Amino acid sequence: MIGRAPILPQPAKVRGLVFIKKSQCKGCELCIEFCPKSVLVRSKGFNPKGYHYPIVTNGECINCRLCVTVCPEYAIFSVA
């Protein structure tokens, strides 16, 4: 082994969970566009307002909260 081992352990890859209020979403897809890990995709179904809402595709959320920040309807949130 060449070099030294890192002083700090690597952080966990998965650090967040994404929750979506489907009935509040208006389908702007900003959360999908800004997600750096492509955790969100557009659903095939519709919410009661007639919009496609985002769904979580994988568990690689890093809890950056970009989706929360860009959502104009406050329909999405993430927790660590």
Protein backbone atom coordinates (compact mmCIF):
# COMPACT_ATOMS: atom_id res chain seq x y z
CA MET A 1 0.00 0.00 0.00
CA ILE A 2 1.45 3.32 -1.06
CA GLY A 3 0.74 6.45 1.00
CA ARG A 4 -1.16 6.88 4.20
CA ALA A 5 -4.64 5.85 5.15
CA PRO A 6 -7.16 8.69 5.55
CA ILE A 7 -7.39 10.16 9.04
CA LEU A 8 -11.18 10.40 8.94
CA PRO A 9 -13.41 7.55 7.80
CA GLN A 10 -15.39 8.00 4.60
CA PRO A 11 -18.90 9.36 5.23
CA ALA A 12 -21.83 7.13 4.49
CA LYS A 13 -22.89 7.30 0.84
CA VAL A 14 -26.60 7.44 1.63
CA ARG A 15 -27.47 10.23 4.01
CA GLY A 16 -30.99 11.36 3.23
CA LEU A 17 -34.54 10.34 2.55
CA VAL A 18 -36.81 12.25 0.18
CA PHE A 19 -40.52 12.70 0.84
CA ILE A 20 -42.98 14.10 -1.69
CA LYS A 21 -46.43 15.56 -1.04
CA LYS A 22 -47.97 14.28 -4.26
CA SER A 23 -51.21 16.23 -3.96
CA GLN A 24 -49.34 19.53 -3.53
CA CYS A 25 -47.01 19.12 -6.55
CA LYS A 26 -47.69 21.13 -9.74
CA GLY A 27 -45.32 19.16 -11.98
CA CYS A 28 -42.69 21.84 -12.66
CA GLU A 29 -39.90 19.19 -12.47
CA LEU A 30 -37.37 21.62 -10.96
CA CYS A 31 -36.52 19.08 -8.27
CA ILE A 32 -35.75 16.47 -10.94
CA GLU A 33 -33.61 18.89 -12.94
CA PHE A 34 -31.52 20.10 -10.00
CA CYS A 35 -30.93 16.78 -8.18
CA PRO A 36 -27.17 16.07 -8.41
CA LYS A 37 -27.64 12.32 -7.83
CA SER A 38 -30.65 11.81 -10.14
CA VAL A 39 -32.70 10.43 -7.26
CA LEU A 40 -35.97 11.78 -8.68
CA VAL A 41 -37.84 11.04 -11.92
CA ARG A 42 -41.22 12.03 -13.31
CA SER A 43 -44.03 9.65 -12.42
CA LYS A 44 -46.27 8.05 -14.99
CA GLY A 45 -49.30 8.66 -12.80
CA PHE A 46 -51.13 11.88 -12.02
CA ASN A 47 -51.96 13.60 -8.74
CA PRO A 48 -55.49 14.94 -8.00
CA LYS A 49 -54.60 18.24 -9.74
CA GLY A 50 -53.66 16.39 -12.95
CA TYR A 51 -49.89 16.84 -12.77
CA HIS A 52 -47.08 14.30 -12.99
CA TYR A 53 -45.29 14.33 -9.63
CA PRO A 54 -41.71 13.21 -8.92
CA ILE A 55 -40.93 9.79 -7.50
CA VAL A 56 -37.80 8.48 -5.81
CA THR A 57 -35.90 6.00 -7.99
CA ASN A 58 -32.95 5.07 -5.82
CA GLY A 59 -31.59 5.52 -2.32
CA GLU A 60 -28.58 7.63 -3.19
CA CYS A 61 -29.88 10.91 -1.71
CA ILE A 62 -27.06 12.93 -0.15
CA ASN A 63 -29.48 15.31 1.61
CA CYS A 64 -28.19 18.37 -0.29
CA ARG A 65 -31.73 19.81 -0.05
CA LEU A 66 -31.61 21.33 -3.54
CA CYS A 67 -34.99 19.79 -4.29
CA VAL A 68 -36.43 21.45 -1.19
CA THR A 69 -34.88 24.80 -2.11
CA VAL A 70 -36.16 24.93 -5.71
CA CYS A 71 -39.70 23.63 -5.13
CA PRO A 72 -42.09 26.59 -5.47
CA GLU A 73 -44.97 24.61 -3.95
CA TYR A 74 -43.13 23.24 -0.87
CA ALA A 75 -44.17 19.78 -1.98
CA ILE A 76 -40.90 18.01 -1.27
CA PHE A 77 -38.59 17.65 1.70
CA SER A 78 -35.62 15.55 2.73
CA VAL A 79 -34.34 14.37 6.09
CA ALA A 80 -31.01 12.98 7.17
